[in-house]
Amino acid sequence: MNAIKNKDELNTVVYKVIEYINSEKTIKQKITDSLAHICTSFAFERAFVYQTDGFRFFHLRETIGNEDNLLRKKFEMADMSPQHQKRFMSAPVPCTYLDTAATPIHAEILDFYRVHSLYGCRMKDNEGKVIGFIGVANSCTDSLNEEQEYTLHLILNLLGKVVAAREYKYRVTRTQKTLENIMNHMGVDIYVNAYDTHEALYANKSMAAPYGGVKSFVGRKCWEVLYKDKTGPCEYCPKSKILDENGKPTKLYSWDYQRPFDNSWFRVFSSAFNWTDGQLAHIVTSVDITHQKQVEAELIIAKEKAEKLDQLKSAFLANMSHEIRTPLNAIVGFSDLLSMSNDAEEREEAIRIIKENNTLLLQLITDILDLSKIESGSLD
């Protein structure tokens, strides 16, 4: 025998659920109260809401009559057979009522949810994507008649809209948190100000930290936050360079800037775009390039040293060329004289000079080789 006897009682159930939905309670409490009332009115032992986490799983978000924790806590689409998926995900009628295990698919679905009877309804978002399932299970009475089934269908779909609204709110919150985390951990300082008034509209944490935090930007002009001594826009403000002659945003404009209080260097990028309220905004992003500037300065010093060393080497080679030619000229000259002279004293003197210059040239070459070893690090 059914718990609801007539149409007036059905209407009362609907009105009560609407009352719960329009109450000041939390969405979770609204859904829980409504499911409890449906179970009592239609004589079901259990009720459930499975909602997607936005990724793989459907989680049991709300449940009534599940003190024994028999219902699955979560499942993923891959756990459902193709027939099961078709029944709940793509059937023309978005509800299913199973009061017996008359067919294999019926038995499979009932076993999947661990119940002996089930009335389920899929829920969709505003894009038509299935976001979960809502239903009641384990009927304590006979099968529902057509009018009762229609009313139950209507109520579950109504609750499904409440769940969809919650899902939309969660998505917005998740998106905001995700974007905020990205903005705060991408290694870039970001702030936005109104193009016309210069009033700060947004600053991420890394940008705001040296200036007292994000709250210090709220309701203030950009120069009021960034500088203590300025009473107007900065002389190098790039606003004039980010709009064309028609007032339309141009391509990205960039420059290098040294922060005065700690001498850190930043590469700054500016552009214009429409803010959420429609006003024209100026976004400034900056990347710390202090290390890059230090490396550039070191490279300049190294370049100057290399150029000076190159000059010294050129002078050294020119000097060595002269020093080597001097003994060689003596050796060559006196060797010729030695071959042409028959005088013993002249020949002896020529041999002495040749020997002296041989010794000098050998010592000079030895010194050059030692210098080469010193430069290569093989000799101290």
Protein backbone atom coordinates (compact mmCIF):
# COMPACT_ATOMS: atom_id res chain seq x y z
CA MET A 1 0.00 0.00 0.00
CA ASN A 2 1.37 3.45 -0.95
CA ALA A 3 2.05 6.09 1.68
CA ILE A 4 0.45 8.85 -0.44
CA LYS A 5 -3.27 8.26 -1.03
CA ASN A 6 -4.51 11.16 -3.16
CA LYS A 7 -3.59 14.16 -5.29
CA ASP A 8 -3.87 16.60 -2.39
CA GLU A 9 -1.21 14.71 -0.51
CA LEU A 10 1.01 14.76 -3.60
CA ASN A 11 0.58 18.53 -3.84
CA THR A 12 1.45 18.86 -0.17
CA VAL A 13 4.71 16.97 -0.77
CA VAL A 14 5.59 19.28 -3.65
CA TYR A 15 4.79 22.41 -1.64
CA LYS A 16 6.89 21.16 1.27
CA VAL A 17 9.91 20.50 -0.94
CA ILE A 18 9.55 23.97 -2.48
CA GLU A 19 9.39 25.39 1.03
CA TYR A 20 12.63 23.64 1.92
CA ILE A 21 14.30 24.90 -1.24
CA ASN A 22 13.26 28.51 -0.57
CA SER A 23 14.36 28.43 3.07
CA GLU A 24 17.41 30.27 4.42
CA LYS A 25 19.25 27.05 5.14
CA THR A 26 22.41 25.93 3.40
CA ILE A 27 22.04 24.15 0.07
CA LYS A 28 23.21 20.92 1.66
CA GLN A 29 20.54 21.17 4.38
CA LYS A 30 17.86 22.07 1.83
CA ILE A 31 18.67 18.94 -0.18
CA THR A 32 18.90 16.71 2.91
CA ASP A 33 15.56 17.93 4.30
CA SER A 34 13.88 17.47 0.91
CA LEU A 35 15.23 13.94 0.47
CA ALA A 36 14.11 12.96 3.97
CA HIS A 37 10.61 14.28 3.25
CA ILE A 38 10.48 12.42 -0.08
CA CYS A 39 11.52 9.15 1.57
CA THR A 40 8.81 9.55 4.21
CA SER A 41 6.12 10.57 1.73
CA PHE A 42 6.82 7.93 -0.92
CA ALA A 43 7.90 5.17 1.49
CA PHE A 44 11.54 4.74 0.45
CA GLU A 45 14.25 3.71 2.89
CA ARG A 46 17.16 5.49 1.23
CA ALA A 47 17.90 8.59 -0.83
CA PHE A 48 21.13 9.82 -2.40
CA VAL A 49 22.88 12.51 -4.40
CA TYR A 50 25.98 11.53 -6.35
CA GLN A 51 27.82 14.55 -7.72
CA THR A 52 30.88 14.74 -9.94
CA ASP A 53 34.12 16.21 -8.64
CA GLY A 54 34.72 17.72 -12.06
CA PHE A 55 37.28 15.10 -12.98
CA ARG A 56 36.81 11.32 -12.72
CA PHE A 57 34.63 10.42 -9.79
CA PHE A 58 31.02 10.74 -8.67
CA HIS A 59 30.92 11.21 -4.88
CA LEU A 60 28.05 10.53 -2.48
CA ARG A 61 27.35 14.11 -1.40
CA GLU A 62 24.03 13.72 0.45
CA THR A 63 22.34 10.59 1.70
CA ILE A 64 19.31 9.59 3.79
CA GLY A 65 18.81 6.20 5.48
CA ASN A 66 22.40 5.16 4.88
CA GLU A 67 23.41 4.62 8.48
CA ASP A 68 24.92 1.25 7.53
CA ASN A 69 27.03 2.94 4.80
CA LEU A 70 25.80 0.42 2.26
CA LEU A 71 25.68 2.85 -0.65
CA ARG A 72 28.88 3.39 -2.60
CA LYS A 73 30.87 6.38 -1.35
CA LYS A 74 32.18 7.10 -4.84
CA PHE A 75 32.50 5.58 -8.28
CA GLU A 76 33.77 6.53 -11.71
CA MET A 77 32.18 6.18 -15.09
CA ALA A 78 34.50 3.31 -15.98
CA ASP A 79 32.90 1.28 -13.17
CA MET A 80 29.55 1.36 -14.97
CA SER A 81 28.84 -1.09 -17.78
CA PRO A 82 27.91 0.32 -21.22
CA GLN A 83 24.26 -0.67 -20.64
CA HIS A 84 24.31 1.01 -17.24
CA GLN A 85 25.80 4.19 -18.70
CA LYS A 86 23.23 4.21 -21.48
CA ARG A 87 20.38 3.84 -19.01
CA PHE A 88 21.49 6.76 -16.84
CA MET A 89 23.60 8.97 -19.12
CA SER A 90 21.94 8.99 -22.52
CA ALA A 91 18.43 7.52 -22.23
CA PRO A 92 15.75 9.77 -23.79
CA VAL A 93 13.87 9.86 -20.47
CA PRO A 94 16.30 11.05 -17.77
CA CYS A 95 14.82 8.84 -15.02
CA THR A 96 14.73 5.15 -14.40
CA TYR A 97 12.63 3.06 -12.03
CA LEU A 98 13.76 -0.44 -11.12
CA ASP A 99 11.68 -2.36 -8.64
CA THR A 100 12.78 -5.83 -9.60
CA ALA A 101 15.80 -7.66 -10.98
CA ALA A 102 13.71 -8.92 -13.91
CA THR A 103 16.51 -8.53 -16.48
CA PRO A 104 20.30 -8.82 -16.26
CA ILE A 105 20.78 -5.05 -16.65
CA HIS A 106 18.23 -4.42 -13.89
CA ALA A 107 20.06 -6.83 -11.61
CA GLU A 108 23.39 -5.22 -12.48
CA ILE A 109 22.21 -1.66 -11.71
CA LEU A 110 20.55 -2.62 -8.45
CA ASP A 111 23.65 -4.50 -7.40
CA PHE A 112 25.83 -1.55 -8.42
CA TYR A 113 24.03 0.75 -5.97
CA ARG A 114 23.55 -2.14 -3.48
CA VAL A 115 19.77 -1.71 -3.26
CA HIS A 116 16.73 -3.86 -4.14
CA SER A 117 14.70 -1.08 -5.83
CA LEU A 118 15.66 2.27 -7.26
CA TYR A 119 14.21 5.43 -8.76
CA GLY A 120 17.05 7.51 -10.22
CA CYS A 121 17.31 10.78 -12.12
CA ARG A 122 20.40 12.22 -13.76
CA MET A 123 21.35 15.87 -13.25
CA LYS A 124 22.84 18.16 -15.90
CA ASP A 125 24.50 21.53 -15.90
CA ASN A 126 23.48 24.40 -18.19
CA GLU A 127 25.73 22.99 -20.92
CA GLY A 128 23.97 19.63 -20.88
CA LYS A 129 26.82 17.77 -19.20
CA VAL A 130 25.81 15.12 -16.64
CA ILE A 131 27.05 16.24 -13.22
CA GLY A 132 25.53 13.47 -11.11
CA PHE A 133 22.56 11.37 -10.08
CA ILE A 134 19.78 11.90 -7.55
CA GLY A 135 17.37 9.23 -6.45
CA VAL A 136 15.56 7.14 -3.86
CA ALA A 137 15.94 3.43 -3.18
CA ASN A 138 14.50 0.43 -1.37
CA SER A 139 10.78 1.00 -1.66
CA CYS A 140 8.68 -0.16 1.32
CA THR A 141 5.46 -0.30 -0.68
CA ASP A 142 3.98 -1.24 -4.03
CA SER A 143 5.10 0.27 -7.33
CA LEU A 144 4.23 3.93 -7.84
CA ASN A 145 1.27 4.78 -10.03
CA GLU A 146 1.64 7.13 -12.96
CA GLU A 147 0.69 10.28 -11.05
CA GLN A 148 2.98 9.46 -8.15
CA GLU A 149 5.84 8.65 -10.47
CA TYR A 150 5.35 11.95 -12.32
CA THR A 151 5.35 13.89 -9.03
CA LEU A 152 8.48 12.11 -7.82
CA HIS A 153 10.10 12.79 -11.18
CA LEU A 154 9.16 16.48 -10.87
CA ILE A 155 10.53 16.83 -7.34
CA LEU A 156 13.81 15.05 -8.07
CA ASN A 157 14.38 17.19 -11.14
CA LEU A 158 13.68 20.29 -9.05
CA LEU A 159 16.25 19.19 -6.50
CA GLY A 160 18.59 18.42 -9.38
CA LYS A 161 18.41 22.09 -10.39
CA VAL A 162 19.45 23.05 -6.86
CA VAL A 163 22.40 20.68 -7.07
CA ALA A 164 23.31 22.08 -10.51
CA ALA A 165 23.27 25.60 -9.06
CA ARG A 166 25.61 24.44 -6.32
CA GLU A 167 27.86 22.80 -8.88
CA TYR A 168 28.01 26.06 -10.85
CA LYS A 169 28.94 27.93 -7.68
CA TYR A 170 31.64 25.37 -6.89
CA ARG A 171 33.02 25.61 -10.41
CA VAL A 172 33.26 29.38 -10.16
CA THR A 173 34.99 29.06 -6.79
CA ARG A 174 37.36 26.37 -8.08
CA THR A 175 38.16 28.44 -11.14
CA GLN A 176 38.83 31.54 -9.07
CA LYS A 177 41.08 29.64 -6.67
CA THR A 178 42.92 27.97 -9.52
CA LEU A 179 43.51 31.25 -11.34
CA GLU A 180 44.55 32.93 -8.09
CA ASN A 181 47.05 30.16 -7.37
CA ILE A 182 48.42 30.43 -10.89
CA MET A 183 48.74 34.21 -10.60
CA ASN A 184 50.51 33.93 -7.24
CA HIS A 185 52.94 31.14 -8.19
CA MET A 186 53.99 31.91 -11.77
CA GLY A 187 57.07 33.92 -10.77
CA VAL A 188 55.71 37.17 -12.22
CA ASP A 189 54.58 40.34 -10.44
CA ILE A 190 51.18 41.55 -11.67
CA TYR A 191 49.02 44.56 -10.94
CA VAL A 192 46.16 46.23 -12.76
CA ASN A 193 44.97 49.81 -12.50
CA ALA A 194 42.17 51.79 -14.13
CA TYR A 195 43.42 53.46 -17.29
CA ASP A 196 41.66 56.79 -16.66
CA THR A 197 41.95 57.14 -12.87
CA HIS A 198 45.10 55.09 -12.13
CA GLU A 199 43.21 53.43 -9.27
CA ALA A 200 44.56 49.98 -8.42
CA LEU A 201 42.17 47.16 -9.37
CA TYR A 202 44.25 44.06 -8.66
CA ALA A 203 47.67 42.95 -7.45
CA ASN A 204 48.98 39.43 -6.95
CA LYS A 205 50.81 38.47 -3.77
CA SER A 206 54.36 38.64 -5.12
CA MET A 207 53.70 42.14 -6.45
CA ALA A 208 52.03 43.38 -3.27
CA ALA A 209 54.39 41.80 -0.70
CA PRO A 210 57.10 44.54 -0.73
CA TYR A 211 54.43 47.24 -0.40
CA GLY A 212 52.49 45.94 2.59
CA GLY A 213 50.33 43.28 1.01
CA VAL A 214 47.33 43.20 -1.30
CA LYS A 215 45.20 45.36 1.01
CA SER A 216 47.61 48.27 0.55
CA PHE A 217 46.55 48.51 -3.12
CA VAL A 218 42.81 48.71 -2.50
CA GLY A 219 41.32 52.09 -3.43
CA ARG A 220 44.67 53.78 -4.03
CA LYS A 221 46.41 55.23 -7.06
CA CYS A 222 49.30 53.19 -8.37
CA TRP A 223 51.92 55.83 -7.58
CA GLU A 224 50.57 56.23 -4.03
CA VAL A 225 51.37 52.58 -3.38
CA LEU A 226 54.64 52.25 -5.27
CA TYR A 227 56.28 55.54 -4.20
CA LYS A 228 56.25 57.64 -1.04
CA ASP A 229 57.24 60.96 -2.59
CA LYS A 230 55.06 61.13 -5.73
CA THR A 231 51.87 63.15 -5.98
CA GLY A 232 50.98 62.26 -9.56
CA PRO A 233 51.60 59.80 -12.40
CA CYS A 234 55.17 58.67 -13.00
CA GLU A 235 57.08 60.51 -15.71
CA TYR A 236 57.77 57.21 -17.45
CA CYS A 237 54.16 55.93 -17.25
CA PRO A 238 53.66 53.81 -20.39
CA LYS A 239 49.92 54.52 -20.75
CA SER A 240 50.42 56.69 -23.82
CA LYS A 241 52.22 53.83 -25.57
CA ILE A 242 49.57 51.12 -25.13
CA LEU A 243 46.74 52.81 -27.08
CA ASP A 244 46.72 53.83 -30.73
CA GLU A 245 45.39 57.09 -32.17
CA ASN A 246 41.86 55.64 -32.11
CA GLY A 247 42.05 54.74 -28.43
CA LYS A 248 42.36 51.02 -29.14
CA PRO A 249 44.85 48.77 -27.32
CA THR A 250 48.14 48.32 -29.15
CA LYS A 251 50.64 45.52 -28.86
CA LEU A 252 52.65 44.83 -25.68
CA TYR A 253 55.06 47.54 -24.56
CA SER A 254 58.09 46.66 -22.43
CA TRP A 255 61.02 48.32 -20.68
CA ASP A 256 63.58 47.68 -17.91
CA TYR A 257 63.12 49.31 -14.50
CA GLN A 258 65.24 49.44 -11.34
CA ARG A 259 63.27 49.51 -8.10
CA PRO A 260 64.66 52.36 -5.98
CA PHE A 261 64.47 50.95 -2.45
CA ASP A 262 66.44 47.73 -3.12
CA ASN A 263 67.94 48.38 -6.60
CA SER A 264 66.36 45.22 -8.00
CA TRP A 265 65.92 45.16 -11.77
CA PHE A 266 62.67 44.17 -13.50
CA ARG A 267 61.61 43.70 -17.10
CA VAL A 268 58.17 45.28 -17.25
CA PHE A 269 55.38 44.62 -19.77
CA SER A 270 52.32 46.84 -20.18
CA SER A 271 49.13 46.47 -22.17
CA ALA A 272 45.52 47.65 -22.13
CA PHE A 273 42.37 45.54 -21.92
CA ASN A 274 38.78 45.76 -20.71
CA TRP A 275 38.29 45.03 -17.01
CA THR A 276 35.40 42.93 -15.68
CA ASP A 277 33.18 46.01 -15.30
CA GLY A 278 33.89 47.14 -18.87
CA GLN A 279 36.26 50.01 -18.07
CA LEU A 280 39.63 50.22 -19.78
CA ALA A 281 42.39 48.87 -17.58
CA HIS A 282 46.17 48.95 -17.65
CA ILE A 283 47.91 45.70 -16.71
CA VAL A 284 51.56 45.67 -15.70
CA THR A 285 53.55 42.46 -15.39
CA SER A 286 57.18 42.36 -14.36
CA VAL A 287 59.86 39.71 -14.08
CA ASP A 288 62.86 40.01 -11.77
CA ILE A 289 65.96 40.24 -13.98
CA THR A 290 68.42 41.33 -11.27
CA HIS A 291 70.51 38.20 -11.80
CA GLN A 292 70.43 38.75 -15.56
CA LYS A 293 71.65 42.33 -15.11
CA GLN A 294 74.46 41.10 -12.84
CA VAL A 295 75.47 38.54 -15.45
CA GLU A 296 75.39 41.24 -18.15
CA ALA A 297 77.63 43.49 -16.03
CA GLU A 298 80.04 40.61 -15.44
CA LEU A 299 80.09 39.87 -19.17
CA ILE A 300 80.92 43.50 -19.94
CA ILE A 301 83.82 43.40 -17.47
CA ALA A 302 84.99 40.07 -18.90
CA LYS A 303 84.77 41.51 -22.43
CA GLU A 304 86.86 44.52 -21.44
CA LYS A 305 89.42 42.25 -19.79
CA ALA A 306 89.53 40.02 -22.87
CA GLU A 307 90.05 43.02 -25.14
CA LYS A 308 92.83 44.34 -22.90
CA LEU A 309 94.43 40.90 -22.74
CA ASP A 310 94.25 40.66 -26.51
CA GLN A 311 96.06 44.00 -26.79
CA LEU A 312 98.71 42.83 -24.33
CA LYS A 313 99.20 39.61 -26.25
CA SER A 314 99.59 41.52 -29.50
CA ALA A 315 102.24 43.76 -27.87
CA PHE A 316 103.89 40.70 -26.36
CA LEU A 317 104.07 38.91 -29.72
CA ALA A 318 105.50 42.02 -31.39
CA ASN A 319 108.15 42.29 -28.68
CA MET A 320 108.96 38.58 -28.88
CA SER A 321 109.33 38.85 -32.62
CA HIS A 322 111.90 41.60 -32.12
CA GLU A 323 113.70 39.69 -29.35
CA ILE A 324 113.92 36.54 -31.47
CA ARG A 325 115.14 38.38 -34.56
CA THR A 326 118.03 40.03 -32.65
CA PRO A 327 120.00 36.83 -31.82
CA LEU A 328 118.97 35.24 -35.13
CA ASN A 329 120.43 38.19 -37.07
CA ALA A 330 123.68 37.85 -35.11
CA ILE A 331 123.85 34.11 -35.71
CA VAL A 332 123.10 34.42 -39.43
CA GLY A 333 125.50 37.38 -39.91
CA PHE A 334 128.47 35.90 -38.09
CA SER A 335 127.87 32.50 -39.66
CA ASP A 336 128.32 34.14 -43.07
CA LEU A 337 131.43 35.99 -41.83
CA LEU A 338 132.82 32.74 -40.43
CA SER A 339 132.51 31.03 -43.82
CA MET A 340 134.32 33.84 -45.63
CA SER A 341 137.13 34.72 -43.17
CA ASN A 342 140.52 33.00 -43.01
CA ASP A 343 141.76 35.02 -40.02
CA ALA A 344 141.92 32.81 -36.92
CA GLU A 345 141.10 35.60 -34.47
CA GLU A 346 138.13 36.77 -36.53
CA ARG A 347 136.83 33.24 -36.82
CA GLU A 348 137.24 32.65 -33.09
CA GLU A 349 135.41 35.91 -32.27
CA ALA A 350 132.60 35.02 -34.69
CA ILE A 351 132.23 31.57 -33.10
CA ARG A 352 132.08 33.15 -29.63
CA ILE A 353 129.35 35.59 -30.71
CA ILE A 354 127.37 32.81 -32.42
CA LYS A 355 127.52 30.68 -29.25
CA GLU A 356 126.40 33.59 -27.08
CA ASN A 357 123.41 34.30 -29.33
CA ASN A 358 122.58 30.57 -29.53
CA THR A 359 122.43 30.51 -25.72
CA LEU A 360 120.38 33.73 -25.69
CA LEU A 361 117.92 32.38 -28.31
CA LEU A 362 117.59 29.04 -26.52
CA GLN A 363 116.87 30.79 -23.21
CA LEU A 364 114.34 33.07 -24.90
CA ILE A 365 112.48 30.11 -26.44
CA THR A 366 112.59 28.26 -23.09
CA ASP A 367 111.07 31.30 -21.36
CA ILE A 368 108.29 31.49 -23.98
CA LEU A 369 107.50 27.79 -23.51
CA ASP A 370 107.44 28.25 -19.70
CA LEU A 371 105.08 31.22 -20.08
CA SER A 372 102.77 29.06 -22.21
CA LYS A 373 102.79 26.36 -19.52
CA ILE A 374 101.96 28.97 -16.84
CA GLU A 375 98.97 30.21 -18.86
CA SER A 376 97.72 26.63 -19.34
CA GLY A 377 98.06 25.95 -15.61
CA SER A 378 100.61 23.18 -15.94
CA LEU A 379 103.41 25.20 -14.34
CA ASP A 380 103.38 27.43 -11.22
